[in-house]
Amino acid sequence: MPGALGASTNSVPTNGPPSAVIVETNSAAEREYENLLDADDAAQAEADKWIRENNEFRANGAGVPDADLNRRIRDRFESVRKAYEDFIRRFPNHVRARIAYGSLLGDLQDEAGAQRQWEKALELDPKNPAVYNNLAGAYSESGPAQKAFDYFSKAIELNPSEGLYYHNFGNSMFVLRKQAMEYYHLTEQQVFAKTLLLYSNAVRLAPDNFPFASDLAQTYYAIQPFRADDALKCWTNVLKLAHDDLEREGVLLHLARVKMLDGKFAEARAQLNSVSNENYRVLKANLFRNIELREHPAPATNSPARPS
């Protein structure tokens, strides 16, 4: 939803064998579950389409308010929500249905409802990494932070080949860095280094994922001293993954910023001159101004001595 729904950080396992704790293993129930997921996906695709179209309308001075669009999306998902509730009422031990329903509730901003579904799923299947990942995300929002860190670690322990878990853990570590410093007995820079490692693992496991690569590259801004060469290499890799001109020019802004921070002002200006999208007009102007200030800093002025 605009202002609410973003790229999902929840994990919904749909492949592989059903969980061992599912009592109702009849094929009819499994077919119904798959149909339920299809209905969920169809509703999500339609909602995504509405959001894209509304963003395009807004760019042309039209579009509807977020509240109206959110209401329309909620109405679209109402039948899916009721279908999940009915399925879980009849098959209360179906772990994957509870995980998927929790993700839907989270997208609809019912965080408490989502957490209840995931906690029940964890009770049914205490070795399910997707549940630990989703609950860790919930604890990152509501606390306690220590439980979020522990649950992300558990998700990775149970499934070390899932890049999403490393990425989500990195997000939590970066945002909750003060709590991470206290919990892990680290300095802030050590927390940033740990975050960098988590993002690196996410990119290693999902090398074509643009958001993963972008978050890894942005972490270098927090590393001191600034590692310009590493940051430049990272953003160059992100550029290769851009899906469209908007993403591509956004990365060019970052490349210009890295070159500015590295003192390569002429290269930074040349990079900025290749950015033409109106969405980046203000950011581009700000970067040009910052380059000028760094290249030609104002002379220091001495305050006149106070008379004795």
Protein backbone atom coordinates (compact mmCIF):
# COMPACT_ATOMS: atom_id res chain seq x y z
CA MET A 1 0.00 0.00 0.00
CA PRO A 2 1.30 3.53 -0.66
CA GLY A 3 3.05 4.73 2.42
CA ALA A 4 2.64 1.30 3.99
CA LEU A 5 3.42 -1.61 1.73
CA GLY A 6 6.95 -2.02 0.45
CA ALA A 7 9.06 -4.88 -0.76
CA SER A 8 8.20 -7.80 1.44
CA THR A 9 10.79 -8.96 3.93
CA ASN A 10 8.67 -11.90 5.00
CA SER A 11 9.32 -15.43 3.91
CA VAL A 12 6.49 -17.61 2.64
CA PRO A 13 7.65 -21.17 1.90
CA THR A 14 5.71 -22.57 -1.04
CA ASN A 15 8.10 -25.19 -2.36
CA GLY A 16 9.33 -28.44 -0.94
CA PRO A 17 7.52 -31.04 1.13
CA PRO A 18 4.80 -30.01 3.58
CA SER A 19 5.88 -29.56 7.17
CA ALA A 20 5.96 -32.74 9.21
CA VAL A 21 3.63 -31.21 11.78
CA ILE A 22 0.75 -30.84 9.36
CA VAL A 23 -1.84 -33.36 10.45
CA GLU A 24 -4.16 -32.74 7.53
CA THR A 25 -2.04 -34.04 4.66
CA ASN A 26 -4.84 -35.08 2.31
CA SER A 27 -4.41 -34.00 -1.26
CA ALA A 28 -7.64 -32.04 -1.29
CA ALA A 29 -6.39 -29.80 1.52
CA GLU A 30 -3.09 -29.26 -0.29
CA ARG A 31 -4.87 -28.35 -3.52
CA GLU A 32 -7.03 -25.92 -1.60
CA TYR A 33 -3.93 -24.39 -0.02
CA GLU A 34 -2.29 -23.94 -3.42
CA ASN A 35 -5.46 -22.31 -4.74
CA LEU A 36 -5.41 -20.01 -1.73
CA LEU A 37 -1.86 -18.94 -2.53
CA ASP A 38 -2.87 -18.33 -6.15
CA ALA A 39 -5.72 -16.09 -5.00
CA ASP A 40 -3.33 -14.22 -2.70
CA ASP A 41 -0.81 -13.74 -5.52
CA ALA A 42 -3.52 -12.53 -7.91
CA ALA A 43 -4.76 -9.96 -5.40
CA GLN A 44 -1.20 -8.80 -4.74
CA ALA A 45 -0.50 -8.46 -8.47
CA GLU A 46 -3.64 -6.39 -8.94
CA ALA A 47 -2.79 -4.18 -5.96
CA ASP A 48 0.74 -3.66 -7.30
CA LYS A 49 -0.77 -2.66 -10.66
CA TRP A 50 -3.03 -0.10 -8.98
CA ILE A 51 -0.07 1.35 -7.09
CA ARG A 52 2.04 1.66 -10.26
CA GLU A 53 -0.81 3.26 -12.17
CA ASN A 54 -1.52 5.71 -9.37
CA ASN A 55 2.15 6.69 -9.21
CA GLU A 56 2.07 7.35 -12.96
CA PHE A 57 -1.09 9.44 -12.60
CA ARG A 58 0.54 11.43 -9.80
CA ALA A 59 3.54 12.15 -11.99
CA ASN A 60 1.07 13.81 -14.38
CA GLY A 61 -0.72 15.75 -11.67
CA ALA A 62 -3.56 13.28 -11.08
CA GLY A 63 -3.96 10.15 -8.94
CA VAL A 64 -5.97 9.44 -5.79
CA PRO A 65 -4.99 9.98 -2.12
CA ASP A 66 -3.15 7.17 -0.34
CA ALA A 67 -6.08 6.60 2.01
CA ASP A 68 -8.45 5.96 -0.90
CA LEU A 69 -6.06 3.61 -2.63
CA ASN A 70 -5.34 1.75 0.61
CA ARG A 71 -9.07 1.31 1.17
CA ARG A 72 -9.48 -0.12 -2.32
CA ILE A 73 -6.61 -2.54 -1.74
CA ARG A 74 -8.02 -3.65 1.61
CA ASP A 75 -11.38 -4.33 -0.03
CA ARG A 76 -9.63 -6.38 -2.72
CA PHE A 77 -7.89 -8.52 -0.10
CA GLU A 78 -10.95 -9.03 2.11
CA SER A 79 -12.11 -12.20 0.33
CA VAL A 80 -8.56 -13.60 0.49
CA ARG A 81 -8.34 -12.84 4.20
CA LYS A 82 -11.65 -14.62 4.85
CA ALA A 83 -10.48 -17.61 2.80
CA TYR A 84 -7.34 -17.89 4.93
CA GLU A 85 -9.39 -17.72 8.12
CA ASP A 86 -11.75 -20.42 6.90
CA PHE A 87 -8.88 -22.67 5.82
CA ILE A 88 -7.03 -22.30 9.12
CA ARG A 89 -10.24 -22.92 11.06
CA ARG A 90 -10.55 -26.27 9.28
CA PHE A 91 -6.82 -27.07 9.19
CA PRO A 92 -5.37 -25.38 12.29
CA ASN A 93 -2.04 -27.26 12.11
CA HIS A 94 -1.19 -26.17 8.57
CA VAL A 95 2.02 -24.26 9.22
CA ARG A 96 2.57 -22.89 5.73
CA ALA A 97 -0.95 -21.45 5.63
CA ARG A 98 -0.34 -19.67 8.93
CA ILE A 99 2.95 -18.25 7.62
CA ALA A 100 1.32 -17.02 4.42
CA TYR A 101 -1.67 -15.58 6.25
CA GLY A 102 0.63 -13.79 8.67
CA SER A 103 2.45 -12.21 5.73
CA LEU A 104 -0.85 -11.02 4.28
CA LEU A 105 -1.89 -9.52 7.61
CA GLY A 106 1.48 -7.79 7.88
CA ASP A 107 1.01 -6.26 4.44
CA LEU A 108 -2.40 -5.05 5.57
CA GLN A 109 -0.75 -3.40 8.61
CA ASP A 110 -2.24 -5.85 11.11
CA GLU A 111 1.10 -6.49 12.78
CA ALA A 112 -0.42 -8.00 15.92
CA GLY A 113 -2.48 -10.44 13.87
CA ALA A 114 0.54 -11.39 11.78
CA GLN A 115 2.63 -12.02 14.87
CA ARG A 116 -0.07 -14.26 16.37
CA GLN A 117 -0.10 -16.43 13.24
CA TRP A 118 3.67 -16.74 13.18
CA GLU A 119 3.93 -17.51 16.88
CA LYS A 120 1.39 -20.30 16.43
CA ALA A 121 3.35 -21.56 13.41
CA LEU A 122 6.53 -21.59 15.49
CA GLU A 123 4.76 -23.53 18.22
CA LEU A 124 3.73 -26.10 15.61
CA ASP A 125 7.08 -26.21 13.82
CA PRO A 126 9.98 -24.91 15.96
CA LYS A 127 12.56 -25.64 13.25
CA ASN A 128 11.00 -23.58 10.47
CA PRO A 129 13.44 -20.85 9.37
CA ALA A 130 10.76 -18.78 7.62
CA VAL A 131 8.88 -18.36 10.89
CA TYR A 132 12.02 -17.21 12.72
CA ASN A 133 12.74 -14.70 9.94
CA ASN A 134 9.23 -13.27 10.00
CA LEU A 135 9.05 -13.05 13.77
CA ALA A 136 12.50 -11.45 13.85
CA GLY A 137 11.18 -8.75 11.54
CA ALA A 138 8.22 -8.21 13.86
CA TYR A 139 10.50 -7.93 16.89
CA SER A 140 12.69 -5.47 14.98
CA GLU A 141 9.65 -3.19 14.78
CA SER A 142 8.15 -3.69 18.23
CA GLY A 143 11.00 -5.08 20.33
CA PRO A 144 12.74 -6.54 22.07
CA ALA A 145 15.67 -6.01 19.71
CA GLN A 146 17.66 -8.83 21.31
CA LYS A 147 14.96 -11.30 20.35
CA ALA A 148 15.03 -10.02 16.77
CA PHE A 149 18.79 -10.61 16.60
CA ASP A 150 18.45 -14.09 18.08
CA TYR A 151 15.65 -15.07 15.72
CA PHE A 152 17.46 -13.83 12.61
CA SER A 153 20.50 -15.84 13.72
CA LYS A 154 18.28 -18.90 14.18
CA ALA A 155 16.75 -18.49 10.72
CA ILE A 156 20.22 -18.39 9.18
CA GLU A 157 21.36 -21.36 11.24
CA LEU A 158 18.40 -23.40 9.97
CA ASN A 159 18.76 -22.27 6.34
CA PRO A 160 22.16 -20.66 5.64
CA SER A 161 21.51 -20.54 1.89
CA GLU A 162 18.62 -18.06 1.99
CA GLY A 163 19.88 -14.59 1.11
CA LEU A 164 16.73 -12.86 2.36
CA TYR A 165 17.53 -13.79 5.96
CA TYR A 166 20.99 -12.20 5.82
CA HIS A 167 19.55 -9.08 4.19
CA ASN A 168 16.80 -8.70 6.77
CA PHE A 169 19.28 -9.26 9.59
CA GLY A 170 21.51 -6.58 8.07
CA ASN A 171 18.60 -4.14 7.93
CA SER A 172 17.78 -4.78 11.58
CA MET A 173 21.41 -4.50 12.64
CA PHE A 174 21.86 -1.16 10.87
CA VAL A 175 18.65 0.44 12.14
CA LEU A 176 19.00 -0.94 15.67
CA ARG A 177 22.73 -0.37 15.86
CA LYS A 178 22.68 1.07 19.38
CA GLN A 179 20.91 -2.01 20.67
CA ALA A 180 23.30 -4.18 18.66
CA MET A 181 26.29 -2.39 20.18
CA GLU A 182 25.00 -3.18 23.65
CA TYR A 183 23.91 -6.74 22.91
CA TYR A 184 27.04 -7.84 21.06
CA HIS A 185 29.47 -5.59 22.98
CA LEU A 186 30.65 -3.92 19.78
CA THR A 187 31.56 -0.38 18.74
CA GLU A 188 29.40 1.36 16.19
CA GLN A 189 31.96 0.76 13.47
CA GLN A 190 32.09 -2.92 14.37
CA VAL A 191 28.30 -3.08 14.04
CA PHE A 192 28.59 -1.49 10.59
CA ALA A 193 31.23 -4.08 9.68
CA LYS A 194 28.89 -6.86 10.83
CA THR A 195 26.10 -5.31 8.76
CA LEU A 196 28.39 -5.17 5.75
CA LEU A 197 29.16 -8.87 6.14
CA LEU A 198 25.47 -9.77 6.36
CA TYR A 199 24.65 -7.78 3.22
CA SER A 200 27.65 -9.32 1.46
CA ASN A 201 26.31 -12.79 2.18
CA ALA A 202 22.89 -11.78 0.87
CA VAL A 203 24.46 -10.56 -2.39
CA ARG A 204 26.61 -13.68 -2.64
CA LEU A 205 23.52 -15.86 -2.42
CA ALA A 206 21.34 -13.64 -4.65
CA PRO A 207 23.79 -11.85 -6.98
CA ASP A 208 21.05 -10.51 -9.27
CA ASN A 209 19.00 -8.88 -6.52
CA PHE A 210 19.08 -5.09 -6.98
CA PRO A 211 17.86 -4.10 -3.48
CA PHE A 212 20.37 -6.44 -1.82
CA ALA A 213 23.26 -5.03 -3.85
CA SER A 214 22.08 -1.44 -3.30
CA ASP A 215 21.87 -1.83 0.48
CA LEU A 216 25.35 -3.34 0.55
CA ALA A 217 26.73 -0.39 -1.42
CA GLN A 218 24.99 2.20 0.78
CA THR A 219 26.53 0.71 3.92
CA TYR A 220 29.95 1.97 2.81
CA TYR A 221 28.84 5.53 3.57
CA ALA A 222 28.82 4.59 7.25
CA ILE A 223 32.26 2.94 7.26
CA GLN A 224 35.10 5.10 8.58
CA PRO A 225 37.52 5.81 7.11
CA PHE A 226 35.54 5.90 3.89
CA ARG A 227 36.57 3.07 1.56
CA ALA A 228 36.03 4.86 -1.74
CA ASP A 229 37.44 2.12 -3.99
CA ASP A 230 35.26 -0.57 -2.41
CA ALA A 231 32.20 1.67 -2.55
CA LEU A 232 32.86 2.52 -6.20
CA LYS A 233 33.25 -1.14 -7.11
CA CYS A 234 30.05 -1.99 -5.26
CA TRP A 235 27.97 0.75 -6.91
CA THR A 236 29.36 -0.22 -10.31
CA ASN A 237 28.00 -3.71 -9.70
CA VAL A 238 24.63 -2.27 -8.68
CA LEU A 239 24.51 -0.29 -11.92
CA LYS A 240 24.66 -3.54 -13.90
CA LEU A 241 21.58 -4.79 -12.05
CA ALA A 242 19.36 -1.74 -12.66
CA HIS A 243 16.05 -2.70 -14.25
CA ASP A 244 15.15 0.65 -15.81
CA ASP A 245 16.37 4.20 -16.37
CA LEU A 246 15.02 5.39 -13.03
CA GLU A 247 17.10 2.85 -11.11
CA ARG A 248 20.07 3.37 -13.39
CA GLU A 249 20.15 7.15 -12.89
CA GLY A 250 19.66 6.71 -9.15
CA VAL A 251 22.82 4.62 -9.09
CA LEU A 252 24.64 7.26 -11.15
CA LEU A 253 23.87 9.76 -8.40
CA HIS A 254 25.52 7.45 -5.89
CA LEU A 255 28.55 7.00 -8.14
CA ALA A 256 28.84 10.78 -8.35
CA ARG A 257 28.62 11.05 -4.57
CA VAL A 258 31.33 8.44 -4.07
CA LYS A 259 33.64 10.26 -6.48
CA MET A 260 32.91 13.56 -4.74
CA LEU A 261 33.77 12.04 -1.35
CA ASP A 262 36.97 10.70 -2.90
CA GLY A 263 37.92 14.19 -4.12
CA LYS A 264 37.39 13.38 -7.82
CA PHE A 265 35.28 16.44 -8.49
CA ALA A 266 35.54 16.55 -12.29
CA GLU A 267 34.51 12.88 -12.55
CA ALA A 268 31.63 13.49 -10.14
CA ARG A 269 30.35 16.38 -12.26
CA ALA A 270 30.60 14.31 -15.43
CA GLN A 271 28.60 11.56 -13.73
CA LEU A 272 25.90 14.02 -12.69
CA ASN A 273 25.63 15.45 -16.19
CA SER A 274 24.41 12.06 -17.39
CA VAL A 275 21.41 12.20 -15.00
CA SER A 276 18.35 13.71 -16.67
CA ASN A 277 15.32 12.25 -14.87
CA GLU A 278 13.17 14.98 -13.31
CA ASN A 279 12.67 12.87 -10.18
CA TYR A 280 16.33 13.45 -9.31
CA ARG A 281 16.42 17.19 -10.04
CA VAL A 282 16.77 18.26 -6.39
CA LEU A 283 19.27 15.55 -5.46
CA LYS A 284 21.33 16.37 -8.52
CA ALA A 285 21.36 20.09 -7.69
CA ASN A 286 22.35 19.37 -4.10
CA LEU A 287 25.25 17.21 -5.22
CA PHE A 288 26.48 19.90 -7.63
CA ARG A 289 26.36 22.39 -4.76
CA ASN A 290 28.23 20.04 -2.41
CA ILE A 291 30.92 19.44 -5.03
CA GLU A 292 31.39 23.19 -5.36
CA LEU A 293 31.66 23.63 -1.59
CA ARG A 294 34.22 20.86 -1.30
CA GLU A 295 36.25 22.04 -4.27
CA HIS A 296 36.21 25.69 -3.21
CA PRO A 297 35.69 25.81 0.56
CA ALA A 298 34.99 29.19 2.07
CA PRO A 299 38.07 30.76 3.64
CA ALA A 300 38.25 30.57 7.39
CA THR A 301 37.49 33.83 9.15
CA ASN A 302 39.00 34.88 12.42
CA SER A 303 36.71 36.55 14.91
CA PRO A 304 38.01 39.95 16.07
CA ALA A 305 39.67 39.84 19.48
CA ARG A 306 37.42 40.89 22.29
CA PRO A 307 38.64 44.17 23.80
CA SER A 308 40.12 43.78 27.21
